[in-house]
PDB file of N, CA and C in Angstrom:
ATOM      1  N   MET A   1     -64.759  -4.063  25.196  1.00  0.00           N
ATOM      2  CA  MET A   1     -63.415  -4.191  24.745  1.00  0.00           C
ATOM      3  C   MET A   1     -63.267  -5.570  24.111  1.00  0.00           C
ATOM      4  N   GLU A   2     -62.701  -5.633  22.914  1.00  0.00           N
ATOM      5  CA  GLU A   2     -62.513  -6.846  22.200  1.00  0.00           C
ATOM      6  C   GLU A   2     -61.200  -7.489  22.457  1.00  0.00           C
ATOM      7  N   VAL A   3     -61.199  -8.834  22.741  1.00  0.00           N
ATOM      8  CA  VAL A   3     -60.002  -9.574  23.017  1.00  0.00           C
ATOM      9  C   VAL A   3     -59.569 -10.222  21.774  1.00  0.00           C
ATOM     10  N   THR A   4     -58.298  -9.997  21.340  1.00  0.00           N
ATOM     11  CA  THR A   4     -57.784 -10.645  20.144  1.00  0.00           C
ATOM     12  C   THR A   4     -56.723 -11.652  20.477  1.00  0.00           C
ATOM     13  N   LYS A   5     -56.659 -12.679  19.639  1.00  0.00           N
ATOM     14  CA  LYS A   5     -55.590 -13.674  19.804  1.00  0.00           C
ATOM     15  C   LYS A   5     -54.290 -13.186  19.175  1.00  0.00           C
ATOM     16  N   PRO A   6     -53.148 -13.621  19.702  1.00  0.00           N
ATOM     17  CA  PRO A   6     -51.869 -13.295  19.039  1.00  0.00           C
ATOM     18  C   PRO A   6     -51.820 -13.836  17.645  1.00  0.00           C
ATOM     19  N   ILE A   7     -51.052 -13.260  16.802  1.00  0.00           N
ATOM     20  CA  ILE A   7     -50.950 -13.658  15.402  1.00  0.00           C
ATOM     21  C   ILE A   7     -50.507 -15.072  15.254  1.00  0.00           C
ATOM     22  N   ASP A   8     -49.598 -15.582  16.112  1.00  0.00           N
ATOM     23  CA  ASP A   8     -49.045 -16.869  16.039  1.00  0.00           C
ATOM     24  C   ASP A   8     -50.036 -17.920  16.380  1.00  0.00           C
ATOM     25  N   GLY A   9     -51.219 -17.560  16.893  1.00  0.00           N
ATOM     26  CA  GLY A   9     -52.240 -18.545  17.226  1.00  0.00           C
ATOM     27  C   GLY A   9     -52.063 -19.203  18.549  1.00  0.00           C
ATOM     28  N   ARG A  10     -51.137 -18.784  19.368  1.00  0.00           N
ATOM     29  CA  ARG A  10     -50.942 -19.414  20.715  1.00  0.00           C
ATOM     30  C   ARG A  10     -51.849 -18.722  21.717  1.00  0.00           C
ATOM     31  N   GLY A  11     -52.098 -19.431  22.789  1.00  0.00           N
ATOM     32  CA  GLY A  11     -52.952 -18.903  23.824  1.00  0.00           C
ATOM     33  C   GLY A  11     -54.354 -19.548  23.724  1.00  0.00           C
ATOM     34  N   GLY A  12     -54.884 -19.807  24.875  1.00  0.00           N
ATOM     35  CA  GLY A  12     -56.265 -20.389  24.882  1.00  0.00           C
ATOM     36  C   GLY A  12     -56.297 -21.812  24.425  1.00  0.00           C
ATOM     37  N   LYS A  13     -57.434 -22.302  24.108  1.00  0.00           N
ATOM     38  CA  LYS A  13     -57.664 -23.693  23.730  1.00  0.00           C
ATOM     39  C   LYS A  13     -57.035 -23.940  22.378  1.00  0.00           C
ATOM     40  N   ARG A  14     -56.323 -25.086  22.321  1.00  0.00           N
ATOM     41  CA  ARG A  14     -55.640 -25.476  21.045  1.00  0.00           C
ATOM     42  C   ARG A  14     -55.962 -26.948  20.752  1.00  0.00           C
ATOM     43  N   GLU A  15     -56.151 -27.226  19.475  1.00  0.00           N
ATOM     44  CA  GLU A  15     -56.367 -28.583  19.093  1.00  0.00           C
ATOM     45  C   GLU A  15     -55.233 -29.528  19.419  1.00  0.00           C
ATOM     46  N   GLY A  16     -55.517 -30.664  20.091  1.00  0.00           N
ATOM     47  CA  GLY A  16     -54.500 -31.595  20.412  1.00  0.00           C
ATOM     48  C   GLY A  16     -53.735 -31.305  21.740  1.00  0.00           C
ATOM     49  N   ALA A  17     -54.102 -30.240  22.384  1.00  0.00           N
ATOM     50  CA  ALA A  17     -53.412 -29.876  23.674  1.00  0.00           C
ATOM     51  C   ALA A  17     -54.051 -30.641  24.806  1.00  0.00           C
ATOM     52  N   GLY A  18     -53.320 -30.825  25.867  1.00  0.00           N
ATOM     53  CA  GLY A  18     -53.865 -31.464  27.054  1.00  0.00           C
ATOM     54  C   GLY A  18     -53.555 -32.998  27.090  1.00  0.00           C
ATOM     55  N   ARG A  19     -54.199 -33.604  28.072  1.00  0.00           N
ATOM     56  CA  ARG A  19     -54.025 -35.012  28.338  1.00  0.00           C
ATOM     57  C   ARG A  19     -54.730 -35.845  27.206  1.00  0.00           C
ATOM     58  N   PRO A  20     -54.039 -36.977  26.786  1.00  0.00           N
ATOM     59  CA  PRO A  20     -54.694 -37.777  25.786  1.00  0.00           C
ATOM     60  C   PRO A  20     -56.004 -38.406  26.321  1.00  0.00           C
ATOM     61  N   LYS A  21     -56.928 -38.709  25.472  1.00  0.00           N
ATOM     62  CA  LYS A  21     -58.177 -39.288  25.881  1.00  0.00           C
ATOM     63  C   LYS A  21     -57.899 -40.708  26.429  1.00  0.00           C
ATOM     64  N   ARG A  22     -58.670 -41.122  27.376  1.00  0.00           N
ATOM     65  CA  ARG A  22     -58.479 -42.448  28.010  1.00  0.00           C
ATOM     66  C   ARG A  22     -58.540 -43.571  26.962  1.00  0.00           C
ATOM     67  N   VAL A  23     -59.402 -43.410  25.993  1.00  0.00           N
ATOM     68  CA  VAL A  23     -59.588 -44.449  24.961  1.00  0.00           C
ATOM     69  C   VAL A  23     -58.245 -44.538  24.205  1.00  0.00           C
ATOM     70  N   ASP A  24     -57.681 -43.399  23.839  1.00  0.00           N
ATOM     71  CA  ASP A  24     -56.412 -43.416  23.133  1.00  0.00           C
ATOM     72  C   ASP A  24     -55.297 -44.051  23.988  1.00  0.00           C
ATOM     73  N   GLU A  25     -55.286 -43.702  25.252  1.00  0.00           N
ATOM     74  CA  GLU A  25     -54.256 -44.195  26.126  1.00  0.00           C
ATOM     75  C   GLU A  25     -54.438 -45.744  26.332  1.00  0.00           C
ATOM     76  N   LYS A  26     -55.626 -46.232  26.460  1.00  0.00           N
ATOM     77  CA  LYS A  26     -55.809 -47.677  26.551  1.00  0.00           C
ATOM     78  C   LYS A  26     -55.394 -48.411  25.266  1.00  0.00           C
ATOM     79  N   LYS A  27     -55.685 -47.796  24.123  1.00  0.00           N
ATOM     80  CA  LYS A  27     -55.312 -48.359  22.815  1.00  0.00           C
ATOM     81  C   LYS A  27     -53.791 -48.476  22.756  1.00  0.00           C
ATOM     82  N   ALA A  28     -53.093 -47.422  23.168  1.00  0.00           N
ATOM     83  CA  ALA A  28     -51.592 -47.437  23.136  1.00  0.00           C
ATOM     84  C   ALA A  28     -51.095 -48.471  24.050  1.00  0.00           C
ATOM     85  N   ASN A  29     -51.655 -48.633  25.256  1.00  0.00           N
ATOM     86  CA  ASN A  29     -51.272 -49.670  26.204  1.00  0.00           C
ATOM     87  C   ASN A  29     -51.455 -51.052  25.578  1.00  0.00           C
ATOM     88  N   GLU A  30     -52.558 -51.274  24.955  1.00  0.00           N
ATOM     89  CA  GLU A  30     -52.801 -52.598  24.291  1.00  0.00           C
ATOM     90  C   GLU A  30     -51.824 -52.872  23.232  1.00  0.00           C
ATOM     91  N   ILE A  31     -51.493 -51.874  22.459  1.00  0.00           N
ATOM     92  CA  ILE A  31     -50.486 -52.041  21.388  1.00  0.00           C
ATOM     93  C   ILE A  31     -49.145 -52.463  21.956  1.00  0.00           C
ATOM     94  N   MET A  32     -48.746 -51.797  23.029  1.00  0.00           N
ATOM     95  CA  MET A  32     -47.456 -52.101  23.651  1.00  0.00           C
ATOM     96  C   MET A  32     -47.432 -53.485  24.242  1.00  0.00           C
ATOM     97  N   LYS A  33     -48.575 -53.889  24.945  1.00  0.00           N
ATOM     98  CA  LYS A  33     -48.610 -55.185  25.497  1.00  0.00           C
ATOM     99  C   LYS A  33     -48.529 -56.292  24.421  1.00  0.00           C
ATOM    100  N   ARG A  34     -49.222 -56.032  23.304  1.00  0.00           N
ATOM    101  CA  ARG A  34     -49.187 -57.004  22.236  1.00  0.00           C
ATOM    102  C   ARG A  34     -47.810 -57.114  21.632  1.00  0.00           C
ATOM    103  N   ALA A  35     -47.171 -55.996  21.454  1.00  0.00           N
ATOM    104  CA  ALA A  35     -45.811 -55.915  20.925  1.00  0.00           C
ATOM    105  C   ALA A  35     -44.825 -56.722  21.821  1.00  0.00           C
ATOM    106  N   LEU A  36     -44.953 -56.576  23.124  1.00  0.00           N
ATOM    107  CA  LEU A  36     -44.089 -57.245  24.027  1.00  0.00           C
ATOM    108  C   LEU A  36     -44.314 -58.728  24.053  1.00  0.00           C
ATOM    109  N   ARG A  37     -45.623 -59.128  23.964  1.00  0.00           N
ATOM    110  CA  ARG A  37     -46.004 -60.560  23.891  1.00  0.00           C
ATOM    111  C   ARG A  37     -45.316 -61.194  22.619  1.00  0.00           C
ATOM    112  N   GLU A  38     -45.425 -60.502  21.525  1.00  0.00           N
ATOM    113  CA  GLU A  38     -44.900 -61.054  20.247  1.00  0.00           C
ATOM    114  C   GLU A  38     -43.343 -61.066  20.365  1.00  0.00           C
ATOM    115  N   LEU A  39     -42.757 -59.985  20.806  1.00  0.00           N
ATOM    116  CA  LEU A  39     -41.303 -59.845  20.869  1.00  0.00           C
ATOM    117  C   LEU A  39     -40.678 -60.966  21.691  1.00  0.00           C
ATOM    118  N   TYR A  40     -41.276 -61.264  22.855  1.00  0.00           N
ATOM    119  CA  TYR A  40     -40.729 -62.269  23.784  1.00  0.00           C
ATOM    120  C   TYR A  40     -41.390 -63.640  23.672  1.00  0.00           C
ATOM    121  N   SER A  41     -42.294 -63.778  22.732  1.00  0.00           N
ATOM    122  CA  SER A  41     -43.056 -65.056  22.491  1.00  0.00           C
ATOM    123  C   SER A  41     -43.663 -65.543  23.779  1.00  0.00           C
ATOM    124  N   LYS A  42     -44.417 -64.704  24.467  1.00  0.00           N
ATOM    125  CA  LYS A  42     -45.082 -65.025  25.733  1.00  0.00           C
ATOM    126  C   LYS A  42     -46.596 -65.012  25.450  1.00  0.00           C
ATOM    127  N   GLU A  43     -47.255 -65.850  26.268  1.00  0.00           N
ATOM    128  CA  GLU A  43     -48.699 -65.916  26.160  1.00  0.00           C
ATOM    129  C   GLU A  43     -49.404 -64.858  27.009  1.00  0.00           C
ATOM    130  N   SER A  44     -48.851 -64.485  28.134  1.00  0.00           N
ATOM    131  CA  SER A  44     -49.546 -63.486  29.017  1.00  0.00           C
ATOM    132  C   SER A  44     -48.815 -62.156  28.995  1.00  0.00           C
ATOM    133  N   ASP A  45     -49.541 -61.181  29.305  1.00  0.00           N
ATOM    134  CA  ASP A  45     -48.965 -59.771  29.400  1.00  0.00           C
ATOM    135  C   ASP A  45     -47.939 -59.741  30.480  1.00  0.00           C
ATOM    136  N   ASP A  46     -48.225 -60.310  31.673  1.00  0.00           N
ATOM    137  CA  ASP A  46     -47.322 -60.293  32.775  1.00  0.00           C
ATOM    138  C   ASP A  46     -45.954 -60.930  32.456  1.00  0.00           C
ATOM    139  N   ASP A  47     -46.035 -62.116  31.748  1.00  0.00           N
ATOM    140  CA  ASP A  47     -44.773 -62.782  31.382  1.00  0.00           C
ATOM    141  C   ASP A  47     -43.979 -61.927  30.430  1.00  0.00           C
ATOM    142  N   ALA A  48     -44.599 -61.261  29.480  1.00  0.00           N
ATOM    143  CA  ALA A  48     -43.949 -60.376  28.534  1.00  0.00           C
ATOM    144  C   ALA A  48     -43.270 -59.232  29.209  1.00  0.00           C
ATOM    145  N   LYS A  49     -44.029 -58.645  30.207  1.00  0.00           N
ATOM    146  CA  LYS A  49     -43.484 -57.484  30.997  1.00  0.00           C
ATOM    147  C   LYS A  49     -42.303 -57.932  31.798  1.00  0.00           C
ATOM    148  N   VAL A  50     -42.345 -59.101  32.454  1.00  0.00           N
ATOM    149  CA  VAL A  50     -41.152 -59.630  33.204  1.00  0.00           C
ATOM    150  C   VAL A  50     -39.963 -59.786  32.270  1.00  0.00           C
ATOM    151  N   ALA A  51     -40.125 -60.317  31.109  1.00  0.00           N
ATOM    152  CA  ALA A  51     -39.066 -60.504  30.160  1.00  0.00           C
ATOM    153  C   ALA A  51     -38.428 -59.136  29.745  1.00  0.00           C
ATOM    154  N   PHE A  52     -39.332 -58.192  29.538  1.00  0.00           N
ATOM    155  CA  PHE A  52     -38.878 -56.828  29.149  1.00  0.00           C
ATOM    156  C   PHE A  52     -38.080 -56.189  30.248  1.00  0.00           C
ATOM    157  N   VAL A  53     -38.556 -56.342  31.473  1.00  0.00           N
ATOM    158  CA  VAL A  53     -37.747 -55.723  32.605  1.00  0.00           C
ATOM    159  C   VAL A  53     -36.442 -56.432  32.769  1.00  0.00           C
ATOM    160  N   LYS A  54     -36.406 -57.744  32.534  1.00  0.00           N
ATOM    161  CA  LYS A  54     -35.137 -58.478  32.678  1.00  0.00           C
ATOM    162  C   LYS A  54     -34.152 -57.947  31.586  1.00  0.00           C
ATOM    163  N   ASP A  55     -34.647 -57.662  30.401  1.00  0.00           N
ATOM    164  CA  ASP A  55     -33.761 -57.112  29.366  1.00  0.00           C
ATOM    165  C   ASP A  55     -33.316 -55.715  29.740  1.00  0.00           C
ATOM    166  N   LEU A  56     -34.182 -54.883  30.303  1.00  0.00           N
ATOM    167  CA  LEU A  56     -33.783 -53.558  30.761  1.00  0.00           C
ATOM    168  C   LEU A  56     -32.679 -53.653  31.820  1.00  0.00           C
ATOM    169  N   LEU A  57     -32.726 -54.625  32.695  1.00  0.00           N
ATOM    170  CA  LEU A  57     -31.796 -54.741  33.785  1.00  0.00           C
ATOM    171  C   LEU A  57     -30.370 -55.115  33.350  1.00  0.00           C
ATOM    172  N   GLU A  58     -30.270 -55.537  32.085  1.00  0.00           N
ATOM    173  CA  GLU A  58     -28.962 -55.933  31.561  1.00  0.00           C
ATOM    174  C   GLU A  58     -28.052 -54.706  31.216  1.00  0.00           C
ATOM    175  N   SER A  59     -28.717 -53.514  31.108  1.00  0.00           N
ATOM    176  CA  SER A  59     -27.857 -52.306  30.804  1.00  0.00           C
ATOM    177  C   SER A  59     -27.951 -51.347  31.950  1.00  0.00           C
ATOM    178  N   GLN A  60     -26.873 -50.538  32.124  1.00  0.00           N
ATOM    179  CA  GLN A  60     -26.865 -49.560  33.220  1.00  0.00           C
ATOM    180  C   GLN A  60     -28.016 -48.539  33.033  1.00  0.00           C
ATOM    181  N   ARG A  61     -28.263 -48.120  31.785  1.00  0.00           N
ATOM    182  CA  ARG A  61     -29.327 -47.176  31.550  1.00  0.00           C
ATOM    183  C   ARG A  61     -30.690 -47.735  31.919  1.00  0.00           C
ATOM    184  N   GLY A  62     -30.897 -49.029  31.620  1.00  0.00           N
ATOM    185  CA  GLY A  62     -32.143 -49.643  31.972  1.00  0.00           C
ATOM    186  C   GLY A  62     -32.284 -49.794  33.475  1.00  0.00           C
ATOM    187  N   GLN A  63     -31.204 -50.066  34.195  1.00  0.00           N
ATOM    188  CA  GLN A  63     -31.238 -50.182  35.642  1.00  0.00           C
ATOM    189  C   GLN A  63     -31.614 -48.824  36.234  1.00  0.00           C
ATOM    190  N   ILE A  64     -31.034 -47.759  35.739  1.00  0.00           N
ATOM    191  CA  ILE A  64     -31.375 -46.372  36.198  1.00  0.00           C
ATOM    192  C   ILE A  64     -32.838 -46.102  35.986  1.00  0.00           C
ATOM    193  N   PHE A  65     -33.307 -46.420  34.779  1.00  0.00           N
ATOM    194  CA  PHE A  65     -34.712 -46.223  34.413  1.00  0.00           C
ATOM    195  C   PHE A  65     -35.631 -46.883  35.327  1.00  0.00           C
ATOM    196  N   ILE A  66     -35.363 -48.128  35.617  1.00  0.00           N
ATOM    197  CA  ILE A  66     -36.227 -48.933  36.532  1.00  0.00           C
ATOM    198  C   ILE A  66     -36.192 -48.341  37.978  1.00  0.00           C
ATOM    199  N   ALA A  67     -34.999 -48.105  38.387  1.00  0.00           N
ATOM    200  CA  ALA A  67     -34.784 -47.593  39.788  1.00  0.00           C
ATOM    201  C   ALA A  67     -35.549 -46.288  39.971  1.00  0.00           C
ATOM    202  N   GLU A  68     -35.475 -45.342  38.959  1.00  0.00           N
ATOM    203  CA  GLU A  68     -36.170 -44.068  39.109  1.00  0.00           C
ATOM    204  C   GLU A  68     -37.634 -44.255  39.106  1.00  0.00           C
ATOM    205  N   HIS A  69     -38.184 -45.231  38.416  1.00  0.00           N
ATOM    206  CA  HIS A  69     -39.610 -45.436  38.352  1.00  0.00           C
ATOM    207  C   HIS A  69     -40.125 -46.198  39.532  1.00  0.00           C
ATOM    208  N   VAL A  70     -39.302 -47.074  40.098  1.00  0.00           N
ATOM    209  CA  VAL A  70     -39.731 -47.854  41.313  1.00  0.00           C
ATOM    210  C   VAL A  70     -39.586 -47.066  42.577  1.00  0.00           C
ATOM    211  N   PHE A  71     -38.388 -46.439  42.734  1.00  0.00           N
ATOM    212  CA  PHE A  71     -38.072 -45.719  43.935  1.00  0.00           C
ATOM    213  C   PHE A  71     -38.212 -44.280  43.913  1.00  0.00           C
ATOM    214  N   GLY A  72     -38.423 -43.711  42.680  1.00  0.00           N
ATOM    215  CA  GLY A  72     -38.530 -42.266  42.567  1.00  0.00           C
ATOM    216  C   GLY A  72     -37.113 -41.690  42.236  1.00  0.00           C
ATOM    217  N   LYS A  73     -37.152 -40.584  41.524  1.00  0.00           N
ATOM    218  CA  LYS A  73     -35.914 -39.984  41.094  1.00  0.00           C
ATOM    219  C   LYS A  73     -35.286 -39.264  42.330  1.00  0.00           C
ATOM    220  N   ALA A  74     -33.981 -39.405  42.478  1.00  0.00           N
ATOM    221  CA  ALA A  74     -33.344 -38.748  43.567  1.00  0.00           C
ATOM    222  C   ALA A  74     -33.321 -37.229  43.370  1.00  0.00           C
ATOM    223  N   PRO A  75     -33.562 -36.532  44.446  1.00  0.00           N
ATOM    224  CA  PRO A  75     -33.577 -35.036  44.385  1.00  0.00           C
ATOM    225  C   PRO A  75     -32.126 -34.524  44.066  1.00  0.00           C
ATOM    226  N   GLN A  76     -32.043 -33.472  43.294  1.00  0.00           N
ATOM    227  CA  GLN A  76     -30.753 -32.881  42.962  1.00  0.00           C
ATOM    228  C   GLN A  76     -30.385 -31.971  44.128  1.00  0.00           C
ATOM    229  N   GLU A  77     -29.119 -32.084  44.577  1.00  0.00           N
ATOM    230  CA  GLU A  77     -28.672 -31.256  45.684  1.00  0.00           C
ATOM    231  C   GLU A  77     -28.246 -29.920  45.190  1.00  0.00           C
ATOM    232  N   VAL A  78     -28.754 -28.875  45.777  1.00  0.00           N
ATOM    233  CA  VAL A  78     -28.435 -27.493  45.431  1.00  0.00           C
ATOM    234  C   VAL A  78     -27.621 -26.900  46.579  1.00  0.00           C
ATOM    235  N   VAL A  79     -26.388 -26.461  46.260  1.00  0.00           N
ATOM    236  CA  VAL A  79     -25.548 -25.878  47.268  1.00  0.00           C
ATOM    237  C   VAL A  79     -25.724 -24.356  47.258  1.00  0.00           C
ATOM    238  N   GLN A  80     -26.217 -23.821  48.356  1.00  0.00           N
ATOM    239  CA  GLN A  80     -26.424 -22.393  48.494  1.00  0.00           C
ATOM    240  C   GLN A  80     -25.123 -21.709  48.901  1.00  0.00           C
ATOM    241  N   THR A  81     -24.651 -20.894  48.019  1.00  0.00           N
ATOM    242  CA  THR A  81     -23.352 -20.212  48.263  1.00  0.00           C
ATOM    243  C   THR A  81     -23.519 -18.747  48.596  1.00  0.00           C
ATOM    244  N   ASN A  82     -24.679 -18.193  48.425  1.00  0.00           N
ATOM    245  CA  ASN A  82     -24.947 -16.803  48.714  1.00  0.00           C
ATOM    246  C   ASN A  82     -25.384 -16.682  50.130  1.00  0.00           C
ATOM    247  N   LEU A  83     -24.469 -16.253  51.012  1.00  0.00           N
ATOM    248  CA  LEU A  83     -24.787 -16.202  52.415  1.00  0.00           C
ATOM    249  C   LEU A  83     -25.163 -14.771  52.928  1.00  0.00           C
ATOM    250  N   ASN A  84     -25.160 -13.808  52.000  1.00  0.00           N
ATOM    251  CA  ASN A  84     -25.537 -12.402  52.275  1.00  0.00           C
ATOM    252  C   ASN A  84     -24.738 -11.869  53.468  1.00  0.00           C
ATOM    253  N   ILE A  85     -23.454 -12.032  53.487  1.00  0.00           N
ATOM    254  CA  ILE A  85     -22.581 -11.554  54.553  1.00  0.00           C
ATOM    255  C   ILE A  85     -21.832 -10.346  54.048  1.00  0.00           C
ATOM    256  N   ASP A  86     -21.834  -9.312  54.852  1.00  0.00           N
ATOM    257  CA  ASP A  86     -21.113  -8.034  54.493  1.00  0.00           C
ATOM    258  C   ASP A  86     -19.605  -8.327  54.673  1.00  0.00           C
ATOM    259  N   GLU A  87     -18.845  -8.136  53.593  1.00  0.00           N
ATOM    260  CA  GLU A  87     -17.423  -8.433  53.613  1.00  0.00           C
ATOM    261  C   GLU A  87     -16.673  -7.442  54.552  1.00  0.00           C
ATOM    262  N   LYS A  88     -17.326  -6.374  54.898  1.00  0.00           N
ATOM    263  CA  LYS A  88     -16.650  -5.328  55.818  1.00  0.00           C
ATOM    264  C   LYS A  88     -16.495  -5.919  57.202  1.00  0.00           C
ATOM    265  N   GLU A  89     -17.274  -6.959  57.499  1.00  0.00           N
ATOM    266  CA  GLU A  89     -17.156  -7.548  58.859  1.00  0.00           C
ATOM    267  C   GLU A  89     -15.957  -8.495  59.003  1.00  0.00           C
ATOM    268  N   PHE A  90     -15.240  -8.780  57.910  1.00  0.00           N
ATOM    269  CA  PHE A  90     -14.127  -9.648  57.975  1.00  0.00           C
ATOM    270  C   PHE A  90     -12.817  -8.951  57.658  1.00  0.00           C
ATOM    271  N   SER A  91     -11.751  -9.556  58.205  1.00  0.00           N
ATOM    272  CA  SER A  91     -10.385  -9.013  57.888  1.00  0.00           C
ATOM    273  C   SER A  91      -9.980  -9.574  56.544  1.00  0.00           C
ATOM    274  N   LYS A  92      -8.907  -9.026  55.971  1.00  0.00           N
ATOM    275  CA  LYS A  92      -8.398  -9.579  54.710  1.00  0.00           C
ATOM    276  C   LYS A  92      -7.987 -11.017  54.835  1.00  0.00           C
ATOM    277  N   GLU A  93      -7.393 -11.383  55.982  1.00  0.00           N
ATOM    278  CA  GLU A  93      -6.935 -12.715  56.298  1.00  0.00           C
ATOM    279  C   GLU A  93      -8.098 -13.685  56.321  1.00  0.00           C
ATOM    280  N   GLN A  94      -9.229 -13.285  56.957  1.00  0.00           N
ATOM    281  CA  GLN A  94     -10.371 -14.112  57.065  1.00  0.00           C
ATOM    282  C   GLN A  94     -11.016 -14.325  55.628  1.00  0.00           C
ATOM    283  N   ILE A  95     -10.984 -13.294  54.831  1.00  0.00           N
ATOM    284  CA  ILE A  95     -11.554 -13.368  53.470  1.00  0.00           C
ATOM    285  C   ILE A  95     -10.717 -14.333  52.659  1.00  0.00           C
ATOM    286  N   ASN A  96      -9.377 -14.249  52.765  1.00  0.00           N
ATOM    287  CA  ASN A  96      -8.519 -15.162  52.068  1.00  0.00           C
ATOM    288  C   ASN A  96      -8.760 -16.592  52.456  1.00  0.00           C
ATOM    289  N   ASP A  97      -8.954 -16.783  53.793  1.00  0.00           N
ATOM    290  CA  ASP A  97      -9.197 -18.150  54.252  1.00  0.00           C
ATOM    291  C   ASP A  97     -10.525 -18.700  53.660  1.00  0.00           C
ATOM    292  N   ILE A  98     -11.550 -17.823  53.601  1.00  0.00           N
ATOM    293  CA  ILE A  98     -12.879 -18.270  52.989  1.00  0.00           C
ATOM    294  C   ILE A  98     -12.681 -18.623  51.530  1.00  0.00           C
ATOM    295  N   VAL A  99     -11.993 -17.781  50.800  1.00  0.00           N
ATOM    296  CA  VAL A  99     -11.753 -17.996  49.353  1.00  0.00           C
ATOM    297  C   VAL A  99     -11.031 -19.352  49.145  1.00  0.00           C
ATOM    298  N   LYS A 100      -9.972 -19.644  49.976  1.00  0.00           N
ATOM    299  CA  LYS A 100      -9.228 -20.911  49.921  1.00  0.00           C
ATOM    300  C   LYS A 100     -10.167 -22.080  50.146  1.00  0.00           C
ATOM    301  N   ALA A 101     -10.990 -21.920  51.166  1.00  0.00           N
ATOM    302  CA  ALA A 101     -11.948 -23.037  51.518  1.00  0.00           C
ATOM    303  C   ALA A 101     -12.984 -23.203  50.372  1.00  0.00           C
ATOM    304  N   TYR A 102     -13.415 -22.179  49.837  1.00  0.00           N
ATOM    305  CA  TYR A 102     -14.384 -22.239  48.702  1.00  0.00           C
ATOM    306  C   TYR A 102     -13.730 -22.963  47.515  1.00  0.00           C
ATOM    307  N   LYS A 103     -12.517 -22.579  47.178  1.00  0.00           N
ATOM    308  CA  LYS A 103     -11.842 -23.210  46.082  1.00  0.00           C
ATOM    309  C   LYS A 103     -11.613 -24.693  46.274  1.00  0.00           C
ATOM    310  N   LEU A 104     -11.389 -25.096  47.541  1.00  0.00           N
ATOM    311  CA  LEU A 104     -11.206 -26.519  47.820  1.00  0.00           C
ATOM    312  C   LEU A 104     -12.582 -27.293  47.677  1.00  0.00           C
ATOM    313  N   MET A 105     -13.636 -26.634  47.984  1.00  0.00           N
ATOM    314  CA  MET A 105     -14.971 -27.280  47.801  1.00  0.00           C
ATOM    315  C   MET A 105     -15.310 -27.503  46.381  1.00  0.00           C
ATOM    316  N   TYR A 106     -14.862 -26.627  45.491  1.00  0.00           N
ATOM    317  CA  TYR A 106     -15.291 -26.729  44.056  1.00  0.00           C
ATOM    318  C   TYR A 106     -14.105 -26.860  43.255  1.00  0.00           C
TER     319      TYR A 106
END
């Protein structure tokens, strides 16, 4: 049996897919470090990084970015509202009370 690829070319190995090569990653890191050193007129990479972080901390968005990377992103809270309760077990009055309580929550 012959296996054919979809017409749009998707599926299987694709050029450029996957993780970048370590050499490319190191080159990108070196470019960023050089740019930071030049931007902040610093001699060392560490001094340039500190200056960059200080600039980030001046904005709320920068503070959030740093906090998420240092402490990890806070998990989103998901409220489960489907309790799988048969409404026949409740009186009309109890159902109305539940609906009122639900509306107060949201």
